[in-house]
Amino acid sequence: MIERRFLVAPADLEDAAPGISVIRGDEHHHLRRVLRLRPGDEVSVFDGAGRGFRGLIESIDAAETRVRLTVKDERRVEPVFEVVLAQGIPHHDRMDLVIQKTTEIGVSRIVPIIAERSVVRAGKEGEWKRLVRWRRVAAEAARQSGRLRIPGIGEPVGWKEFMEEPPAPPGRSRWILDPEGGTTSGAGAIAHEAGTRSALIAVGPEGGWSGRETALGSERGFRPVLLGPRVLRTETAGIVAVALCLFLAGELGAGDPGR
């Protein structure tokens, strides 16, 4: 039987009475009008912040669906080893693909980067209308892949601005994909090292990183890495880097997860 999963607000996971979850908004509309579910049907709910339950629909009205929770979702689906992807924003809708696939794979957070060679820029008033869509793509991918957490999608920032953020927490390795100046060869370089608990991987846009950007990254502790002898598109590189890092950390069926 296909699992029917619905995203709810954390405050609605146990609203009004113990053991009751409330489904509202677009999720409620999809349940009621598209899937045409009925009281007594089994569904799953998750809050995108790590909690999930299975339950039975208790009631459906015009505004909301109430679900009586029966079993907590205890599956280990979230990686222990965290991977943060700083992705140079690709042209057109390719960022959607990066967000969708890396969410399915297990990325923890995605930071859209406006690099010197980025084609995409903010609108006239600096608004990022795509951000709403990107977060919706992440939520849908988390739902489809059975995740309990939705990766955070930050506001797009410049590379220099990103470098000025607070220092990374202890135990995080930093890598910058640089096909032109990478001195560390081989995908194995992005495996987590002894003592590391997370990794930050920076991927440039279509035109790659500028010399100033790679130099700044080096000053801030980013080590250059090559994924192999072939040059990958930016969207491919981001997906491959996240997958390799989690695989080598034991989160995709290899090694010892959470070492």
Protein backbone atom coordinates (compact mmCIF):
# COMPACT_ATOMS: atom_id res chain seq x y z
CA MET A 1 0.00 0.00 0.00
CA ILE A 2 1.33 3.45 -0.92
CA GLU A 3 1.98 5.59 2.13
CA ARG A 4 -0.05 8.80 2.08
CA ARG A 5 2.11 11.42 3.82
CA PHE A 6 1.08 14.94 4.72
CA LEU A 7 3.13 17.86 6.00
CA VAL A 8 1.72 19.64 9.04
CA ALA A 9 2.88 22.59 11.09
CA PRO A 10 4.74 21.55 14.26
CA ALA A 11 2.03 23.22 16.34
CA ASP A 12 -0.62 21.15 14.54
CA LEU A 13 0.98 17.80 15.19
CA GLU A 14 -0.75 17.58 18.56
CA ASP A 15 -3.40 20.29 18.48
CA ALA A 16 -6.50 20.61 20.66
CA ALA A 17 -6.26 17.14 22.25
CA PRO A 18 -3.54 14.57 23.01
CA GLY A 19 -2.83 12.28 20.13
CA ILE A 20 -4.54 14.46 17.52
CA SER A 21 -2.93 16.04 14.45
CA VAL A 22 -4.60 18.65 12.27
CA ILE A 23 -3.99 18.89 8.51
CA ARG A 24 -4.75 22.28 6.99
CA GLY A 25 -4.27 24.39 3.86
CA ASP A 26 -3.08 22.85 0.61
CA GLU A 27 -2.39 19.51 2.29
CA HIS A 28 -5.98 19.33 3.50
CA HIS A 29 -7.26 20.30 0.05
CA HIS A 30 -5.16 17.55 -1.58
CA LEU A 31 -6.40 14.97 0.93
CA ARG A 32 -10.03 15.97 0.58
CA ARG A 33 -10.45 17.01 -3.05
CA VAL A 34 -7.75 15.11 -4.93
CA LEU A 35 -7.24 11.87 -3.00
CA ARG A 36 -10.82 11.90 -1.70
CA LEU A 37 -9.87 10.17 1.53
CA ARG A 38 -12.48 9.36 4.14
CA PRO A 39 -12.65 8.98 7.93
CA GLY A 40 -11.01 5.72 8.91
CA ASP A 41 -8.37 5.87 6.18
CA GLU A 42 -4.76 5.47 7.31
CA VAL A 43 -2.34 8.35 6.69
CA SER A 44 1.06 9.54 7.86
CA VAL A 45 1.91 13.05 9.03
CA PHE A 46 5.26 14.75 9.62
CA ASP A 47 6.24 18.24 10.69
CA GLY A 48 9.45 18.68 8.65
CA ALA A 49 11.41 19.18 11.87
CA GLY A 50 12.01 15.53 12.75
CA ARG A 51 8.68 14.19 14.05
CA GLY A 52 6.30 11.87 12.25
CA PHE A 53 3.35 9.61 13.07
CA ARG A 54 0.93 7.24 11.43
CA GLY A 55 -2.73 7.56 12.24
CA LEU A 56 -6.34 7.25 11.18
CA ILE A 57 -8.48 10.06 9.82
CA GLU A 58 -11.02 10.97 12.50
CA SER A 59 -12.93 13.72 10.70
CA ILE A 60 -12.84 15.88 7.58
CA ASP A 61 -14.58 19.22 7.22
CA ALA A 62 -14.26 22.22 4.92
CA ALA A 63 -11.28 23.73 6.76
CA GLU A 64 -9.25 20.86 8.19
CA THR A 65 -8.70 17.15 8.63
CA ARG A 66 -8.23 15.68 12.10
CA VAL A 67 -6.06 12.59 12.45
CA ARG A 68 -5.87 10.39 15.52
CA LEU A 69 -2.23 9.41 15.90
CA THR A 70 -1.54 5.74 16.51
CA VAL A 71 2.16 4.97 15.93
CA LYS A 72 5.22 7.20 16.11
CA ASP A 73 7.53 7.05 13.09
CA GLU A 74 10.74 5.60 14.55
CA ARG A 75 12.55 4.97 11.27
CA ARG A 76 16.15 6.13 11.04
CA VAL A 77 15.86 8.12 7.84
CA GLU A 78 17.81 11.26 8.71
CA PRO A 79 21.60 11.17 8.27
CA VAL A 80 23.73 11.47 11.39
CA PHE A 81 26.50 12.98 9.28
CA GLU A 82 25.32 16.41 8.09
CA VAL A 83 26.11 17.78 4.65
CA VAL A 84 25.57 21.44 3.82
CA LEU A 85 25.62 22.39 0.14
CA ALA A 86 26.58 25.94 -0.89
CA GLN A 87 25.37 25.88 -4.49
CA GLY A 88 26.13 28.53 -7.09
CA ILE A 89 22.67 29.25 -8.52
CA PRO A 90 22.32 27.65 -11.97
CA HIS A 91 20.48 29.21 -14.89
CA HIS A 92 16.80 28.56 -15.61
CA ASP A 93 15.13 26.01 -13.29
CA ARG A 94 18.15 23.79 -12.67
CA MET A 95 18.24 24.81 -9.01
CA ASP A 96 14.93 23.00 -8.61
CA LEU A 97 16.65 19.79 -9.71
CA VAL A 98 19.56 20.27 -7.29
CA ILE A 99 17.19 20.88 -4.38
CA GLN A 100 14.91 17.98 -5.26
CA LYS A 101 17.63 15.37 -5.69
CA THR A 102 19.91 16.41 -2.83
CA THR A 103 16.90 16.47 -0.51
CA GLU A 104 16.06 12.91 -1.54
CA ILE A 105 19.68 11.90 -0.96
CA GLY A 106 19.86 13.45 2.51
CA VAL A 107 21.35 16.97 2.41
CA SER A 108 20.87 18.92 5.65
CA ARG A 109 20.88 22.48 4.33
CA ILE A 110 21.28 24.30 1.01
CA VAL A 111 22.68 27.81 0.67
CA PRO A 112 22.05 29.41 -2.77
CA ILE A 113 25.17 31.37 -3.71
CA ILE A 114 25.29 34.39 -6.04
CA ALA A 115 28.80 34.03 -7.45
CA GLU A 116 30.72 36.49 -9.63
CA ARG A 117 29.99 34.40 -12.72
CA SER A 118 26.36 33.62 -11.85
CA VAL A 119 23.88 34.39 -14.60
CA VAL A 120 20.96 34.61 -12.18
CA ARG A 121 20.56 37.83 -10.21
CA ALA A 122 18.05 39.23 -7.75
CA GLY A 123 15.08 41.19 -9.05
CA LYS A 124 14.96 44.98 -9.17
CA GLU A 125 13.90 45.17 -5.56
CA GLY A 126 16.18 42.37 -4.43
CA GLU A 127 13.32 39.96 -3.94
CA TRP A 128 13.79 36.25 -4.54
CA LYS A 129 10.45 34.96 -5.74
CA ARG A 130 12.10 31.64 -6.53
CA LEU A 131 12.80 31.03 -2.85
CA VAL A 132 9.17 30.12 -2.16
CA ARG A 133 9.27 27.56 -4.98
CA TRP A 134 12.62 26.16 -3.86
CA ARG A 135 11.27 25.56 -0.36
CA ARG A 136 8.17 23.96 -1.80
CA VAL A 137 10.35 21.65 -3.93
CA ALA A 138 12.32 20.67 -0.81
CA ALA A 139 9.14 19.93 1.12
CA GLU A 140 7.72 17.80 -1.69
CA ALA A 141 10.99 15.88 -2.06
CA ALA A 142 11.11 15.25 1.69
CA ARG A 143 7.55 13.95 1.59
CA GLN A 144 8.22 11.68 -1.39
CA SER A 145 11.46 10.25 0.00
CA GLY A 146 10.11 9.52 3.47
CA ARG A 147 12.24 12.08 5.29
CA LEU A 148 11.14 13.61 8.57
CA ARG A 149 13.16 16.82 8.17
CA ILE A 150 12.97 19.34 5.36
CA PRO A 151 16.38 20.80 4.51
CA GLY A 152 16.65 24.51 5.19
CA ILE A 153 16.88 26.64 2.04
CA GLY A 154 18.52 29.94 2.94
CA GLU A 155 18.21 33.32 1.28
CA PRO A 156 20.61 33.66 -1.68
CA VAL A 157 23.83 35.36 -0.63
CA GLY A 158 27.05 36.44 -2.30
CA TRP A 159 30.17 34.32 -1.81
CA LYS A 160 31.92 37.08 0.15
CA GLU A 161 28.84 37.59 2.31
CA PHE A 162 28.68 33.85 2.93
CA MET A 163 32.32 33.86 4.01
CA GLU A 164 31.48 36.49 6.62
CA GLU A 165 28.96 34.24 8.37
CA PRO A 166 29.88 32.87 11.83
CA PRO A 167 32.58 30.16 11.78
CA ALA A 168 31.50 26.60 11.09
CA PRO A 169 30.90 24.43 14.15
CA PRO A 170 33.79 22.24 15.33
CA GLY A 171 34.15 19.01 13.41
CA ARG A 172 33.00 20.33 10.02
CA SER A 173 35.24 19.89 6.99
CA ARG A 174 35.08 22.46 4.17
CA TRP A 175 35.47 21.67 0.49
CA ILE A 176 35.26 23.75 -2.68
CA LEU A 177 34.82 22.05 -6.03
CA ASP A 178 37.42 23.53 -8.37
CA PRO A 179 38.05 21.67 -11.67
CA GLU A 180 40.72 24.19 -12.67
CA GLY A 181 42.71 24.63 -9.50
CA GLY A 182 41.83 21.61 -7.41
CA THR A 183 44.90 20.11 -5.81
CA THR A 184 43.19 17.21 -4.09
CA SER A 185 42.30 14.58 -6.65
CA GLY A 186 39.62 11.96 -6.34
CA ALA A 187 36.11 11.78 -4.95
CA GLY A 188 37.39 10.06 -1.81
CA ALA A 189 38.72 13.40 -0.60
CA ILE A 190 35.26 14.52 0.51
CA ALA A 191 34.79 11.54 2.78
CA HIS A 192 34.49 12.58 6.39
CA GLU A 193 37.77 12.43 8.23
CA ALA A 194 38.43 11.30 11.76
CA GLY A 195 36.72 13.66 14.17
CA THR A 196 34.46 15.34 11.61
CA ARG A 197 30.72 15.25 12.03
CA SER A 198 29.64 17.28 9.02
CA ALA A 199 30.84 18.68 5.71
CA LEU A 200 30.28 21.92 3.81
CA ILE A 201 30.62 21.56 0.04
CA ALA A 202 30.75 24.63 -2.22
CA VAL A 203 29.86 24.26 -5.90
CA GLY A 204 30.29 27.12 -8.36
CA PRO A 205 27.82 28.26 -11.05
CA GLU A 206 28.04 27.47 -14.78
CA GLY A 207 31.13 29.61 -15.25
CA GLY A 208 32.86 28.22 -12.19
CA TRP A 209 34.44 30.16 -9.34
CA SER A 210 36.56 33.21 -10.06
CA GLY A 211 40.15 33.40 -8.88
CA ARG A 212 39.14 35.86 -6.17
CA GLU A 213 36.46 33.49 -4.90
CA THR A 214 38.73 30.45 -4.71
CA ALA A 215 41.40 32.53 -3.00
CA LEU A 216 38.87 33.78 -0.44
CA GLY A 217 37.65 30.24 0.11
CA SER A 218 41.21 29.07 0.72
CA GLU A 219 41.70 31.83 3.29
CA ARG A 220 38.60 30.60 5.11
CA GLY A 221 39.69 26.98 5.26
CA PHE A 222 38.08 25.53 2.13
CA ARG A 223 40.16 22.83 0.48
CA PRO A 224 39.90 22.37 -3.31
CA VAL A 225 38.67 19.02 -4.58
CA LEU A 226 38.10 17.33 -7.93
CA LEU A 227 35.32 14.83 -8.45
CA GLY A 228 37.18 13.16 -11.31
CA PRO A 229 38.72 13.76 -14.73
CA ARG A 230 35.48 14.89 -16.37
CA VAL A 231 33.96 18.33 -16.00
CA LEU A 232 30.43 18.10 -14.59
CA ARG A 233 27.63 20.59 -15.01
CA THR A 234 27.07 22.62 -11.87
CA GLU A 235 23.76 20.91 -11.07
CA THR A 236 25.33 17.48 -11.61
CA ALA A 237 28.33 18.34 -9.45
CA GLY A 238 26.18 19.40 -6.49
CA ILE A 239 24.10 16.22 -6.59
CA VAL A 240 27.12 13.95 -7.04
CA ALA A 241 29.12 15.67 -4.29
CA VAL A 242 26.34 15.29 -1.72
CA ALA A 243 25.75 11.66 -2.68
CA LEU A 244 29.44 10.78 -2.52
CA CYS A 245 29.94 12.49 0.80
CA LEU A 246 27.01 10.70 2.43
CA PHE A 247 27.98 7.39 0.84
CA LEU A 248 31.54 7.63 2.10
CA ALA A 249 30.25 8.66 5.53
CA GLY A 250 28.24 5.44 5.67
CA GLU A 251 24.85 7.09 5.22
CA LEU A 252 23.96 5.44 1.90
CA GLY A 253 24.84 1.86 2.67
CA ALA A 254 28.62 1.97 3.13
CA GLY A 255 30.79 2.10 6.21
CA ASP A 256 29.64 2.91 9.71
CA PRO A 257 27.01 5.68 9.90
CA GLY A 258 27.73 8.37 12.42
CA ARG A 259 31.31 7.36 13.13
